[in-house]
Amino acid sequence: MKFMWLGHSSFAIEDGGVFLVTDPFDKSVGYPIPNVKPTHVTESHQHFDHNAHNLLRGNFEVIKEPKSYDFGTLKIEGIPTYHDEEKGAKRGNNIIFKMRFPSSITVAHFGDLGHMIDKDVIEKLKDVDAIMIPVGGVFTIDAKKAIEISNILKPHVIFPMHYMTKYVSFELGKLEDFTSAFKDVVKVKGIFEISPEEIKKFDRKVIVFEM
């Protein structure tokens, strides 16, 4: 399986003929628009920095509802959550997508989660291999809550997202507020590739993509 960070909350995941892109952003966010041709696109909610699938190439499935999807070797469950701590009153709903890929690796993308997850959500996510979690606060959970969730779920690999970089056109928290809590932090440029056997060897390994 190959992971690439496209910027903000957008990743490309390639595995067994599947090329899935999460939460595509528009030009106003500040990152370059990626030149990719996905087979599937997930959108955790319909804000401009997470739903710009119209800027991607090709024909693909758009997945944006909190329900179960079966694409054969790719299985996706959309778990309903909120964009804030007031059950969506401030910023609306959010979807955590739990995705089982052809290689059997299971990934959870948290979108713009804005609150601590409850016992039911924890139960649904207890077997995930990797999580993509916002850490920058302001519009989502902050680093402290992201650390707490990571330590509850204990995934093999963690991909932090939605934090301040030189590209972002609005204020977010620092990545270091999150990574400082973990012993195994690796910087990657380009592609992070891992097998189902290799991923099981890690305990909360944090992957930081350089751009």
N, C-alpha and C. Protein backbone atom coordinates (compact mmCIF):
# COMPACT_ATOMS: atom_id res chain seq x y z
N MET A 1 0.84 -1.19 0.00
CA MET A 1 0.00 0.00 0.00
C MET A 1 0.87 1.24 0.00
N LYS A 2 0.45 2.25 -0.79
CA LYS A 2 1.20 3.50 -0.87
C LYS A 2 0.34 4.65 -0.36
N PHE A 3 0.96 5.51 0.46
CA PHE A 3 0.31 6.70 0.98
C PHE A 3 1.05 7.93 0.48
N MET A 4 0.30 8.93 0.05
CA MET A 4 0.88 10.22 -0.33
C MET A 4 0.04 11.32 0.31
N TRP A 5 0.69 12.35 0.82
CA TRP A 5 -0.03 13.49 1.36
C TRP A 5 -0.11 14.56 0.28
N LEU A 6 -1.32 15.00 -0.02
CA LEU A 6 -1.54 16.00 -1.05
C LEU A 6 -1.63 17.41 -0.45
N GLY A 7 -1.73 17.48 0.88
CA GLY A 7 -1.85 18.74 1.59
C GLY A 7 -3.12 18.80 2.40
N HIS A 8 -3.09 19.56 3.51
CA HIS A 8 -4.24 19.78 4.37
C HIS A 8 -4.78 18.45 4.90
N SER A 9 -6.00 18.05 4.54
CA SER A 9 -6.56 16.76 4.97
C SER A 9 -6.66 15.77 3.82
N SER A 10 -5.97 16.07 2.75
CA SER A 10 -6.08 15.26 1.54
C SER A 10 -4.89 14.32 1.38
N PHE A 11 -5.20 13.05 1.28
CA PHE A 11 -4.20 12.00 1.03
C PHE A 11 -4.61 11.21 -0.20
N ALA A 12 -3.64 10.61 -0.84
CA ALA A 12 -3.90 9.62 -1.87
C ALA A 12 -3.42 8.28 -1.34
N ILE A 13 -4.28 7.27 -1.47
CA ILE A 13 -3.96 5.92 -1.02
C ILE A 13 -4.11 4.99 -2.21
N GLU A 14 -3.03 4.29 -2.53
CA GLU A 14 -3.02 3.39 -3.68
C GLU A 14 -2.82 1.95 -3.20
N ASP A 15 -3.74 1.08 -3.62
CA ASP A 15 -3.65 -0.30 -3.14
C ASP A 15 -4.50 -1.21 -4.02
N GLY A 16 -3.88 -2.19 -4.63
CA GLY A 16 -4.61 -3.22 -5.37
C GLY A 16 -5.58 -2.71 -6.41
N GLY A 17 -5.18 -1.71 -7.18
CA GLY A 17 -6.04 -1.17 -8.21
C GLY A 17 -6.94 -0.04 -7.76
N VAL A 18 -6.97 0.21 -6.45
CA VAL A 18 -7.73 1.34 -5.90
C VAL A 18 -6.81 2.54 -5.76
N PHE A 19 -7.28 3.70 -6.18
CA PHE A 19 -6.54 4.95 -5.97
C PHE A 19 -7.53 5.94 -5.35
N LEU A 20 -7.51 6.02 -4.04
CA LEU A 20 -8.50 6.79 -3.30
C LEU A 20 -7.90 8.10 -2.81
N VAL A 21 -8.65 9.19 -2.99
CA VAL A 21 -8.24 10.51 -2.50
C VAL A 21 -9.23 10.96 -1.43
N THR A 22 -8.70 11.46 -0.31
CA THR A 22 -9.55 11.97 0.77
C THR A 22 -9.62 13.49 0.72
N ASP A 23 -10.78 14.03 1.04
CA ASP A 23 -11.01 15.46 1.27
C ASP A 23 -10.23 16.41 0.36
N PRO A 24 -10.52 16.42 -0.93
CA PRO A 24 -9.81 17.33 -1.84
C PRO A 24 -10.15 18.79 -1.54
N PHE A 25 -9.15 19.66 -1.67
CA PHE A 25 -9.29 21.08 -1.33
C PHE A 25 -9.30 21.94 -2.59
N ASP A 26 -9.74 23.20 -2.43
CA ASP A 26 -9.69 24.11 -3.58
C ASP A 26 -8.46 25.03 -3.46
N LYS A 27 -8.30 25.92 -4.42
CA LYS A 27 -7.09 26.73 -4.52
C LYS A 27 -6.94 27.71 -3.37
N SER A 28 -8.03 28.12 -2.75
CA SER A 28 -7.95 29.12 -1.68
C SER A 28 -7.26 28.62 -0.43
N VAL A 29 -7.13 27.31 -0.27
CA VAL A 29 -6.47 26.75 0.92
C VAL A 29 -4.98 27.08 0.91
N GLY A 30 -4.37 27.09 -0.28
CA GLY A 30 -2.97 27.48 -0.40
C GLY A 30 -2.05 26.42 -0.97
N TYR A 31 -2.46 25.16 -0.89
CA TYR A 31 -1.64 24.08 -1.46
C TYR A 31 -1.83 23.98 -2.97
N PRO A 32 -0.84 23.46 -3.68
CA PRO A 32 -1.02 23.21 -5.11
C PRO A 32 -2.11 22.16 -5.34
N ILE A 33 -2.92 22.36 -6.35
CA ILE A 33 -3.94 21.36 -6.68
C ILE A 33 -3.24 20.13 -7.27
N PRO A 34 -3.47 18.95 -6.69
CA PRO A 34 -2.74 17.76 -7.16
C PRO A 34 -3.20 17.29 -8.53
N ASN A 35 -2.25 16.79 -9.29
CA ASN A 35 -2.53 16.24 -10.61
C ASN A 35 -2.70 14.73 -10.49
N VAL A 36 -3.85 14.32 -9.99
CA VAL A 36 -4.10 12.89 -9.75
C VAL A 36 -5.40 12.47 -10.41
N LYS A 37 -5.52 11.17 -10.63
CA LYS A 37 -6.70 10.60 -11.30
C LYS A 37 -7.23 9.46 -10.43
N PRO A 38 -8.05 9.77 -9.43
CA PRO A 38 -8.50 8.74 -8.49
C PRO A 38 -9.59 7.83 -9.04
N THR A 39 -9.77 6.71 -8.36
CA THR A 39 -10.91 5.83 -8.63
C THR A 39 -12.05 6.13 -7.65
N HIS A 40 -11.68 6.62 -6.45
CA HIS A 40 -12.65 6.93 -5.41
C HIS A 40 -12.21 8.20 -4.67
N VAL A 41 -13.20 8.99 -4.24
CA VAL A 41 -12.93 10.22 -3.47
C VAL A 41 -13.87 10.26 -2.28
N THR A 42 -13.32 10.42 -1.08
CA THR A 42 -14.15 10.60 0.10
C THR A 42 -14.17 12.06 0.51
N GLU A 43 -15.33 12.53 0.96
CA GLU A 43 -15.48 13.91 1.45
C GLU A 43 -16.16 13.86 2.81
N SER A 44 -15.42 14.26 3.83
CA SER A 44 -15.93 14.17 5.20
C SER A 44 -17.04 15.17 5.49
N HIS A 45 -17.08 16.27 4.74
CA HIS A 45 -18.13 17.27 4.85
C HIS A 45 -18.00 18.23 3.68
N GLN A 46 -18.98 19.08 3.52
CA GLN A 46 -19.04 19.90 2.31
C GLN A 46 -18.56 21.34 2.53
N HIS A 47 -17.34 21.48 3.05
CA HIS A 47 -16.68 22.78 3.11
C HIS A 47 -15.62 22.85 2.01
N PHE A 48 -15.29 24.06 1.59
CA PHE A 48 -14.44 24.27 0.41
C PHE A 48 -13.08 23.58 0.49
N ASP A 49 -12.57 23.40 1.70
CA ASP A 49 -11.24 22.79 1.84
C ASP A 49 -11.30 21.28 2.00
N HIS A 50 -12.47 20.69 1.71
CA HIS A 50 -12.63 19.23 1.85
C HIS A 50 -13.49 18.60 0.77
N ASN A 51 -14.04 19.38 -0.16
CA ASN A 51 -15.02 18.81 -1.09
C ASN A 51 -14.78 19.17 -2.56
N ALA A 52 -13.56 19.57 -2.90
CA ALA A 52 -13.30 20.07 -4.26
C ALA A 52 -12.95 18.96 -5.24
N HIS A 53 -13.82 17.95 -5.31
CA HIS A 53 -13.55 16.84 -6.23
C HIS A 53 -13.63 17.28 -7.70
N ASN A 54 -14.28 18.41 -7.95
CA ASN A 54 -14.38 18.92 -9.32
C ASN A 54 -13.04 19.33 -9.90
N LEU A 55 -12.02 19.48 -9.03
CA LEU A 55 -10.69 19.87 -9.50
C LEU A 55 -9.80 18.66 -9.78
N LEU A 56 -10.32 17.46 -9.56
CA LEU A 56 -9.56 16.24 -9.83
C LEU A 56 -9.88 15.70 -11.22
N ARG A 57 -8.99 14.90 -11.76
CA ARG A 57 -9.15 14.38 -13.12
C ARG A 57 -9.87 13.03 -13.14
N GLY A 58 -10.48 12.72 -14.27
CA GLY A 58 -11.01 11.39 -14.49
C GLY A 58 -12.42 11.18 -13.96
N ASN A 59 -12.84 9.92 -14.05
CA ASN A 59 -14.14 9.49 -13.54
C ASN A 59 -13.93 8.69 -12.26
N PHE A 60 -14.66 9.04 -11.23
CA PHE A 60 -14.45 8.39 -9.93
C PHE A 60 -15.74 8.41 -9.12
N GLU A 61 -15.78 7.54 -8.14
CA GLU A 61 -16.90 7.49 -7.20
C GLU A 61 -16.68 8.55 -6.12
N VAL A 62 -17.70 9.38 -5.86
CA VAL A 62 -17.64 10.34 -4.76
C VAL A 62 -18.42 9.79 -3.58
N ILE A 63 -17.76 9.70 -2.43
CA ILE A 63 -18.32 9.07 -1.23
C ILE A 63 -18.46 10.16 -0.18
N LYS A 64 -19.68 10.53 0.16
CA LYS A 64 -19.88 11.68 1.05
C LYS A 64 -21.07 11.53 2.01
N GLU A 65 -21.51 10.29 2.19
CA GLU A 65 -22.63 10.05 3.10
C GLU A 65 -22.21 9.10 4.22
N PRO A 66 -22.79 9.27 5.42
CA PRO A 66 -22.44 8.40 6.55
C PRO A 66 -23.18 7.06 6.47
N LYS A 67 -22.71 6.21 5.56
CA LYS A 67 -23.33 4.90 5.38
C LYS A 67 -22.26 3.91 4.93
N SER A 68 -22.64 2.67 4.70
CA SER A 68 -21.70 1.64 4.28
C SER A 68 -21.65 1.56 2.75
N TYR A 69 -20.43 1.36 2.23
CA TYR A 69 -20.21 1.22 0.80
C TYR A 69 -19.44 -0.07 0.55
N ASP A 70 -19.81 -0.78 -0.51
CA ASP A 70 -19.12 -2.01 -0.87
C ASP A 70 -18.70 -1.91 -2.34
N PHE A 71 -17.41 -1.73 -2.56
CA PHE A 71 -16.86 -1.65 -3.91
C PHE A 71 -16.04 -2.90 -4.22
N GLY A 72 -16.47 -4.02 -3.71
CA GLY A 72 -15.75 -5.28 -3.95
C GLY A 72 -14.58 -5.41 -2.98
N THR A 73 -13.37 -5.18 -3.47
CA THR A 73 -12.19 -5.31 -2.61
C THR A 73 -11.99 -4.09 -1.70
N LEU A 74 -12.77 -3.04 -1.92
CA LEU A 74 -12.72 -1.85 -1.07
C LEU A 74 -14.04 -1.72 -0.32
N LYS A 75 -13.96 -1.72 1.00
CA LYS A 75 -15.14 -1.57 1.86
C LYS A 75 -14.99 -0.27 2.66
N ILE A 76 -16.04 0.53 2.70
CA ILE A 76 -15.99 1.82 3.40
C ILE A 76 -17.20 1.96 4.30
N GLU A 77 -16.97 2.40 5.53
CA GLU A 77 -18.06 2.72 6.44
C GLU A 77 -17.95 4.19 6.84
N GLY A 78 -19.01 4.94 6.58
CA GLY A 78 -19.06 6.34 6.99
C GLY A 78 -19.70 6.47 8.36
N ILE A 79 -18.93 6.95 9.32
CA ILE A 79 -19.39 7.04 10.71
C ILE A 79 -19.75 8.49 11.01
N PRO A 80 -21.02 8.79 11.35
CA PRO A 80 -21.43 10.17 11.58
C PRO A 80 -20.84 10.75 12.87
N THR A 81 -20.27 11.94 12.75
CA THR A 81 -19.73 12.68 13.89
C THR A 81 -20.05 14.16 13.63
N TYR A 82 -19.39 15.06 14.39
CA TYR A 82 -19.67 16.48 14.26
C TYR A 82 -18.39 17.28 14.04
N HIS A 83 -18.58 18.46 13.46
CA HIS A 83 -17.47 19.38 13.15
C HIS A 83 -17.14 20.26 14.35
N ASP A 84 -17.89 20.15 15.43
CA ASP A 84 -17.69 21.00 16.61
C ASP A 84 -18.12 20.24 17.86
N GLU A 85 -18.02 20.89 19.00
CA GLU A 85 -18.36 20.26 20.28
C GLU A 85 -19.81 20.47 20.68
N GLU A 86 -20.60 21.05 19.79
CA GLU A 86 -22.01 21.32 20.09
C GLU A 86 -22.94 20.58 19.13
N LYS A 87 -22.55 19.35 18.80
CA LYS A 87 -23.35 18.47 17.94
C LYS A 87 -23.72 19.12 16.60
N GLY A 88 -22.75 19.84 16.05
CA GLY A 88 -22.93 20.43 14.73
C GLY A 88 -23.56 21.80 14.71
N ALA A 89 -23.91 22.35 15.87
CA ALA A 89 -24.59 23.65 15.92
C ALA A 89 -23.73 24.77 15.34
N LYS A 90 -22.41 24.67 15.48
CA LYS A 90 -21.50 25.72 14.99
C LYS A 90 -21.07 25.50 13.54
N ARG A 91 -20.63 24.27 13.22
CA ARG A 91 -20.02 24.04 11.91
C ARG A 91 -20.61 22.85 11.16
N GLY A 92 -21.62 22.23 11.68
CA GLY A 92 -22.28 21.15 10.96
C GLY A 92 -21.74 19.77 11.27
N ASN A 93 -22.06 18.84 10.40
CA ASN A 93 -21.71 17.43 10.59
C ASN A 93 -20.34 17.10 10.00
N ASN A 94 -19.84 15.95 10.37
CA ASN A 94 -18.57 15.44 9.87
C ASN A 94 -18.69 13.92 9.77
N ILE A 95 -17.93 13.34 8.87
CA ILE A 95 -17.93 11.88 8.71
C ILE A 95 -16.51 11.35 8.90
N ILE A 96 -16.37 10.35 9.76
CA ILE A 96 -15.14 9.56 9.82
C ILE A 96 -15.33 8.39 8.86
N PHE A 97 -14.42 8.25 7.91
CA PHE A 97 -14.51 7.14 6.98
C PHE A 97 -13.52 6.04 7.39
N LYS A 98 -14.08 4.87 7.67
CA LYS A 98 -13.27 3.68 7.95
C LYS A 98 -13.21 2.87 6.67
N MET A 99 -11.99 2.63 6.18
CA MET A 99 -11.81 2.05 4.85
C MET A 99 -10.93 0.80 4.91
N ARG A 100 -11.46 -0.30 4.41
CA ARG A 100 -10.68 -1.54 4.33
C ARG A 100 -10.28 -1.75 2.87
N PHE A 101 -8.97 -1.74 2.64
CA PHE A 101 -8.43 -1.79 1.28
C PHE A 101 -8.16 -3.22 0.83
N PRO A 102 -7.88 -3.42 -0.47
CA PRO A 102 -7.66 -4.77 -0.98
C PRO A 102 -6.60 -5.58 -0.23
N SER A 103 -5.57 -4.90 0.28
CA SER A 103 -4.50 -5.60 1.00
C SER A 103 -4.90 -6.01 2.41
N SER A 104 -6.11 -5.61 2.83
CA SER A 104 -6.69 -5.86 4.16
C SER A 104 -6.27 -4.82 5.19
N ILE A 105 -5.45 -3.85 4.82
CA ILE A 105 -5.11 -2.75 5.72
C ILE A 105 -6.34 -1.85 5.88
N THR A 106 -6.63 -1.49 7.13
CA THR A 106 -7.79 -0.65 7.44
C THR A 106 -7.34 0.72 7.90
N VAL A 107 -7.89 1.75 7.27
CA VAL A 107 -7.50 3.14 7.51
C VAL A 107 -8.74 3.93 7.91
N ALA A 108 -8.61 4.80 8.90
CA ALA A 108 -9.69 5.70 9.28
C ALA A 108 -9.26 7.15 9.03
N HIS A 109 -10.06 7.86 8.25
CA HIS A 109 -9.82 9.28 7.99
C HIS A 109 -10.86 10.07 8.79
N PHE A 110 -10.37 10.96 9.66
CA PHE A 110 -11.24 11.62 10.63
C PHE A 110 -11.86 12.92 10.14
N GLY A 111 -11.52 13.36 8.92
CA GLY A 111 -12.10 14.60 8.42
C GLY A 111 -11.84 15.76 9.35
N ASP A 112 -12.85 16.61 9.53
CA ASP A 112 -12.74 17.74 10.45
C ASP A 112 -13.44 17.44 11.77
N LEU A 113 -13.06 16.35 12.39
CA LEU A 113 -13.65 15.99 13.68
C LEU A 113 -13.46 17.13 14.67
N GLY A 114 -14.56 17.51 15.36
CA GLY A 114 -14.47 18.65 16.26
C GLY A 114 -14.72 18.33 17.72
N HIS A 115 -14.71 17.04 18.09
CA HIS A 115 -15.04 16.66 19.47
C HIS A 115 -14.41 15.32 19.80
N MET A 116 -14.38 14.98 21.07
CA MET A 116 -13.91 13.66 21.48
C MET A 116 -14.91 12.60 21.01
N ILE A 117 -14.39 11.49 20.55
CA ILE A 117 -15.27 10.42 20.09
C ILE A 117 -15.82 9.64 21.28
N ASP A 118 -17.05 9.13 21.13
CA ASP A 118 -17.69 8.41 22.22
C ASP A 118 -17.39 6.91 22.13
N LYS A 119 -17.95 6.16 23.06
CA LYS A 119 -17.66 4.72 23.15
C LYS A 119 -18.08 3.96 21.89
N ASP A 120 -19.20 4.36 21.29
CA ASP A 120 -19.67 3.67 20.09
C ASP A 120 -18.71 3.84 18.93
N VAL A 121 -18.19 5.06 18.77
CA VAL A 121 -17.23 5.32 17.69
C VAL A 121 -15.91 4.60 17.98
N ILE A 122 -15.47 4.64 19.22
CA ILE A 122 -14.25 3.93 19.61
C ILE A 122 -14.37 2.45 19.28
N GLU A 123 -15.51 1.87 19.56
CA GLU A 123 -15.73 0.45 19.30
C GLU A 123 -15.62 0.15 17.80
N LYS A 124 -16.17 1.04 16.97
CA LYS A 124 -16.11 0.83 15.53
C LYS A 124 -14.70 0.97 14.97
N LEU A 125 -13.85 1.73 15.67
CA LEU A 125 -12.51 2.02 15.16
C LEU A 125 -11.40 1.25 15.87
N LYS A 126 -11.76 0.36 16.76
CA LYS A 126 -10.75 -0.28 17.61
C LYS A 126 -9.78 -1.17 16.85
N ASP A 127 -10.15 -1.58 15.62
CA ASP A 127 -9.30 -2.50 14.87
C ASP A 127 -8.57 -1.83 13.71
N VAL A 128 -8.57 -0.50 13.64
CA VAL A 128 -7.93 0.17 12.50
C VAL A 128 -6.40 0.05 12.58
N ASP A 129 -5.78 -0.05 11.42
CA ASP A 129 -4.32 -0.11 11.35
C ASP A 129 -3.69 1.28 11.33
N ALA A 130 -4.36 2.22 10.68
CA ALA A 130 -3.80 3.56 10.52
C ALA A 130 -4.91 4.59 10.65
N ILE A 131 -4.57 5.76 11.20
CA ILE A 131 -5.53 6.85 11.27
C ILE A 131 -4.94 8.11 10.66
N MET A 132 -5.82 8.90 10.06
CA MET A 132 -5.49 10.23 9.55
C MET A 132 -6.31 11.20 10.37
N ILE A 133 -5.64 11.98 11.22
CA ILE A 133 -6.35 12.72 12.25
C ILE A 133 -5.95 14.19 12.26
N PRO A 134 -6.93 15.11 12.36
CA PRO A 134 -6.60 16.54 12.43
C PRO A 134 -5.96 16.88 13.78
N VAL A 135 -4.97 17.76 13.75
CA VAL A 135 -4.24 18.09 14.99
C VAL A 135 -4.11 19.59 15.22
N GLY A 136 -4.61 20.40 14.29
CA GLY A 136 -4.34 21.84 14.32
C GLY A 136 -5.32 22.71 15.07
N GLY A 137 -6.39 22.12 15.65
CA GLY A 137 -7.34 22.93 16.39
C GLY A 137 -8.03 23.97 15.53
N VAL A 138 -8.53 25.01 16.16
CA VAL A 138 -9.25 26.13 15.55
C VAL A 138 -10.60 25.66 14.98
N PHE A 139 -10.57 24.83 13.93
CA PHE A 139 -11.79 24.32 13.31
C PHE A 139 -12.04 22.85 13.63
N THR A 140 -11.09 22.21 14.28
CA THR A 140 -11.17 20.77 14.58
C THR A 140 -10.69 20.52 16.00
N ILE A 141 -10.59 19.26 16.36
CA ILE A 141 -9.92 18.94 17.62
C ILE A 141 -8.48 19.46 17.57
N ASP A 142 -7.95 19.76 18.75
CA ASP A 142 -6.57 20.25 18.82
C ASP A 142 -5.61 19.09 19.05
N ALA A 143 -4.34 19.42 19.20
CA ALA A 143 -3.32 18.39 19.37
C ALA A 143 -3.57 17.54 20.61
N LYS A 144 -4.01 18.16 21.69
CA LYS A 144 -4.24 17.43 22.93
C LYS A 144 -5.31 16.34 22.75
N LYS A 145 -6.42 16.70 22.13
CA LYS A 145 -7.48 15.71 21.91
C LYS A 145 -7.05 14.66 20.89
N ALA A 146 -6.28 15.08 19.87
CA ALA A 146 -5.79 14.12 18.88
C ALA A 146 -4.84 13.11 19.52
N ILE A 147 -4.02 13.57 20.45
CA ILE A 147 -3.13 12.67 21.19
C ILE A 147 -3.94 11.68 22.01
N GLU A 148 -4.98 12.18 22.67
CA GLU A 148 -5.82 11.32 23.51
C GLU A 148 -6.50 10.24 22.67
N ILE A 149 -7.06 10.63 21.53
CA ILE A 149 -7.72 9.66 20.66
C ILE A 149 -6.72 8.64 20.12
N SER A 150 -5.54 9.10 19.74
CA SER A 150 -4.50 8.20 19.23
C SER A 150 -4.09 7.19 20.29
N ASN A 151 -4.02 7.61 21.53
CA ASN A 151 -3.62 6.70 22.59
C ASN A 151 -4.73 5.77 23.03
N ILE A 152 -5.96 6.13 22.76
CA ILE A 152 -7.09 5.23 23.02
C ILE A 152 -7.15 4.14 21.95
N LEU A 153 -7.04 4.54 20.68
CA LEU A 153 -7.18 3.59 19.57
C LEU A 153 -5.91 2.76 19.34
N LYS A 154 -4.77 3.35 19.66
CA LYS A 154 -3.47 2.67 19.48
C LYS A 154 -3.29 2.07 18.08
N PRO A 155 -3.46 2.87 17.04
CA PRO A 155 -3.22 2.36 15.68
C PRO A 155 -1.74 2.10 15.47
N HIS A 156 -1.43 1.31 14.47
CA HIS A 156 -0.03 1.05 14.16
C HIS A 156 0.66 2.29 13.58
N VAL A 157 -0.08 3.02 12.77
CA VAL A 157 0.48 4.21 12.10
C VAL A 157 -0.48 5.38 12.24
N ILE A 158 0.08 6.58 12.42
CA ILE A 158 -0.71 7.81 12.55
C ILE A 158 -0.22 8.82 11.52
N PHE A 159 -1.16 9.36 10.76
CA PHE A 159 -0.86 10.44 9.83
C PHE A 159 -1.53 11.72 10.34
N PRO A 160 -0.79 12.64 10.93
CA PRO A 160 -1.39 13.92 11.33
C PRO A 160 -1.74 14.76 10.11
N MET A 161 -2.77 15.58 10.24
CA MET A 161 -3.21 16.42 9.11
C MET A 161 -3.87 17.68 9.65
N HIS A 162 -4.22 18.60 8.74
CA HIS A 162 -4.97 19.81 9.08
C HIS A 162 -4.23 20.62 10.14
N TYR A 163 -2.99 20.97 9.83
CA TYR A 163 -2.17 21.79 10.74
C TYR A 163 -1.49 22.90 9.93
N MET A 164 -0.84 23.81 10.63
CA MET A 164 -0.24 24.97 9.98
C MET A 164 1.03 24.59 9.22
N THR A 165 1.13 25.05 7.97
CA THR A 165 2.34 24.91 7.17
C THR A 165 2.55 26.24 6.43
N LYS A 166 3.62 26.33 5.68
CA LYS A 166 3.90 27.55 4.93
C LYS A 166 2.87 27.80 3.83
N TYR A 167 2.09 26.77 3.47
CA TYR A 167 1.11 26.90 2.40
C TYR A 167 -0.24 27.41 2.87
N VAL A 168 -0.63 27.08 4.08
CA VAL A 168 -2.00 27.29 4.53
C VAL A 168 -2.33 28.79 4.63
N SER A 169 -3.48 29.16 4.10
CA SER A 169 -3.86 30.57 4.02
C SER A 169 -4.64 31.06 5.23
N PHE A 170 -4.86 30.18 6.23
CA PHE A 170 -5.55 30.59 7.46
C PHE A 170 -4.82 29.99 8.65
N GLU A 171 -5.15 30.46 9.83
CA GLU A 171 -4.39 30.08 11.03
C GLU A 171 -4.81 28.72 11.56
N LEU A 172 -3.81 27.86 11.82
CA LEU A 172 -4.02 26.57 12.47
C LEU A 172 -2.90 26.35 13.47
N GLY A 173 -3.07 25.34 14.34
CA GLY A 173 -2.05 25.03 15.32
C GLY A 173 -0.84 24.33 14.71
N LYS A 174 0.21 24.21 15.51
CA LYS A 174 1.48 23.64 15.05
C LYS A 174 1.48 22.12 15.11
N LEU A 175 2.11 21.51 14.13
CA LEU A 175 2.28 20.07 14.08
C LEU A 175 3.04 19.56 15.31
N GLU A 176 4.05 20.31 15.73
CA GLU A 176 4.91 19.88 16.83
C GLU A 176 4.16 19.69 18.15
N ASP A 177 3.05 20.38 18.31
CA ASP A 177 2.24 20.20 19.53
C ASP A 177 1.70 18.78 19.61
N PHE A 178 1.55 18.15 18.47
CA PHE A 178 1.09 16.76 18.42
C PHE A 178 2.26 15.78 18.44
N THR A 179 3.22 15.97 17.56
CA THR A 179 4.31 14.99 17.41
C THR A 179 5.19 14.88 18.65
N SER A 180 5.25 15.93 19.45
CA SER A 180 6.10 15.91 20.65
C SER A 180 5.66 14.86 21.67
N ALA A 181 4.45 14.34 21.51
CA ALA A 181 3.94 13.34 22.46
C ALA A 181 4.30 11.91 22.07
N PHE A 182 4.97 11.72 20.93
CA PHE A 182 5.24 10.37 20.44
C PHE A 182 6.74 10.14 20.25
N LYS A 183 7.15 8.91 20.50
CA LYS A 183 8.57 8.55 20.42
C LYS A 183 9.02 8.24 19.00
N ASP A 184 8.12 7.66 18.21
CA ASP A 184 8.49 7.19 16.87
C ASP A 184 7.85 8.10 15.82
N VAL A 185 8.61 9.13 15.42
CA VAL A 185 8.14 10.09 14.43
C VAL A 185 9.11 10.07 13.25
N VAL A 186 8.57 9.82 12.06
CA VAL A 186 9.40 9.70 10.87
C VAL A 186 8.96 10.71 9.82
N LYS A 187 9.91 11.42 9.25
CA LYS A 187 9.61 12.35 8.16
C LYS A 187 9.80 11.64 6.82
N VAL A 188 8.83 11.84 5.94
CA VAL A 188 8.84 11.17 4.64
C VAL A 188 8.64 12.21 3.54
N LYS A 189 9.38 12.07 2.48
CA LYS A 189 9.18 12.93 1.32
C LYS A 189 8.66 12.08 0.18
N GLY A 190 7.50 12.43 -0.35
CA GLY A 190 6.94 11.67 -1.46
C GLY A 190 5.97 10.60 -1.01
N ILE A 191 6.39 9.33 -1.09
CA ILE A 191 5.50 8.20 -0.86
C ILE A 191 5.93 7.40 0.36
N PHE A 192 4.96 7.03 1.18
CA PHE A 192 5.19 6.09 2.28
C PHE A 192 4.54 4.77 1.87
N GLU A 193 5.35 3.74 1.72
CA GLU A 193 4.85 2.44 1.27
C GLU A 193 5.03 1.41 2.37
N ILE A 194 4.01 0.58 2.57
CA ILE A 194 4.06 -0.40 3.65
C ILE A 194 3.18 -1.60 3.29
N SER A 195 3.58 -2.77 3.79
CA SER A 195 2.82 -4.00 3.54
C SER A 195 1.94 -4.33 4.76
N PRO A 196 0.96 -5.21 4.59
CA PRO A 196 0.13 -5.62 5.73
C PRO A 196 0.95 -6.25 6.87
N GLU A 197 2.04 -6.92 6.50
CA GLU A 197 2.88 -7.54 7.52
C GLU A 197 3.71 -6.50 8.27
N GLU A 198 4.23 -5.55 7.54
CA GLU A 198 5.08 -4.52 8.15
C GLU A 198 4.31 -3.60 9.09
N ILE A 199 3.09 -3.22 8.70
CA ILE A 199 2.35 -2.23 9.49
C ILE A 199 2.03 -2.75 10.89
N LYS A 200 1.87 -4.06 11.01
CA LYS A 200 1.53 -4.65 12.31
C LYS A 200 2.67 -4.55 13.32
N LYS A 201 3.87 -4.27 12.85
CA LYS A 201 5.04 -4.20 13.73
C LYS A 201 5.13 -2.87 14.50
N PHE A 202 4.35 -1.88 14.07
CA PHE A 202 4.48 -0.55 14.65
C PHE A 202 3.43 -0.28 15.72
N ASP A 203 3.78 0.59 16.65
CA ASP A 203 2.86 1.04 17.68
C ASP A 203 2.85 2.57 17.68
N ARG A 204 1.81 3.13 17.08
CA ARG A 204 1.65 4.58 17.00
C ARG A 204 2.86 5.27 16.35
N LYS A 205 3.29 4.73 15.25
CA LYS A 205 4.35 5.35 14.46
C LYS A 205 3.75 6.55 13.72
N VAL A 206 4.30 7.73 13.92
CA VAL A 206 3.77 8.94 13.32
C VAL A 206 4.54 9.25 12.03
N ILE A 207 3.80 9.37 10.94
CA ILE A 207 4.40 9.68 9.64
C ILE A 207 4.10 11.13 9.29
N VAL A 208 5.14 11.91 9.12
CA VAL A 208 5.00 13.32 8.74
C VAL A 208 5.55 13.50 7.33
N PHE A 209 4.70 13.92 6.43
CA PHE A 209 5.12 14.13 5.05
C PHE A 209 5.69 15.53 4.89
N GLU A 210 6.84 15.60 4.23
CA GLU A 210 7.43 16.90 3.91
C GLU A 210 6.97 17.32 2.51
N MET A 211 6.68 18.59 2.36
CA MET A 211 6.17 19.06 1.07
C MET A 211 6.98 20.29 0.63
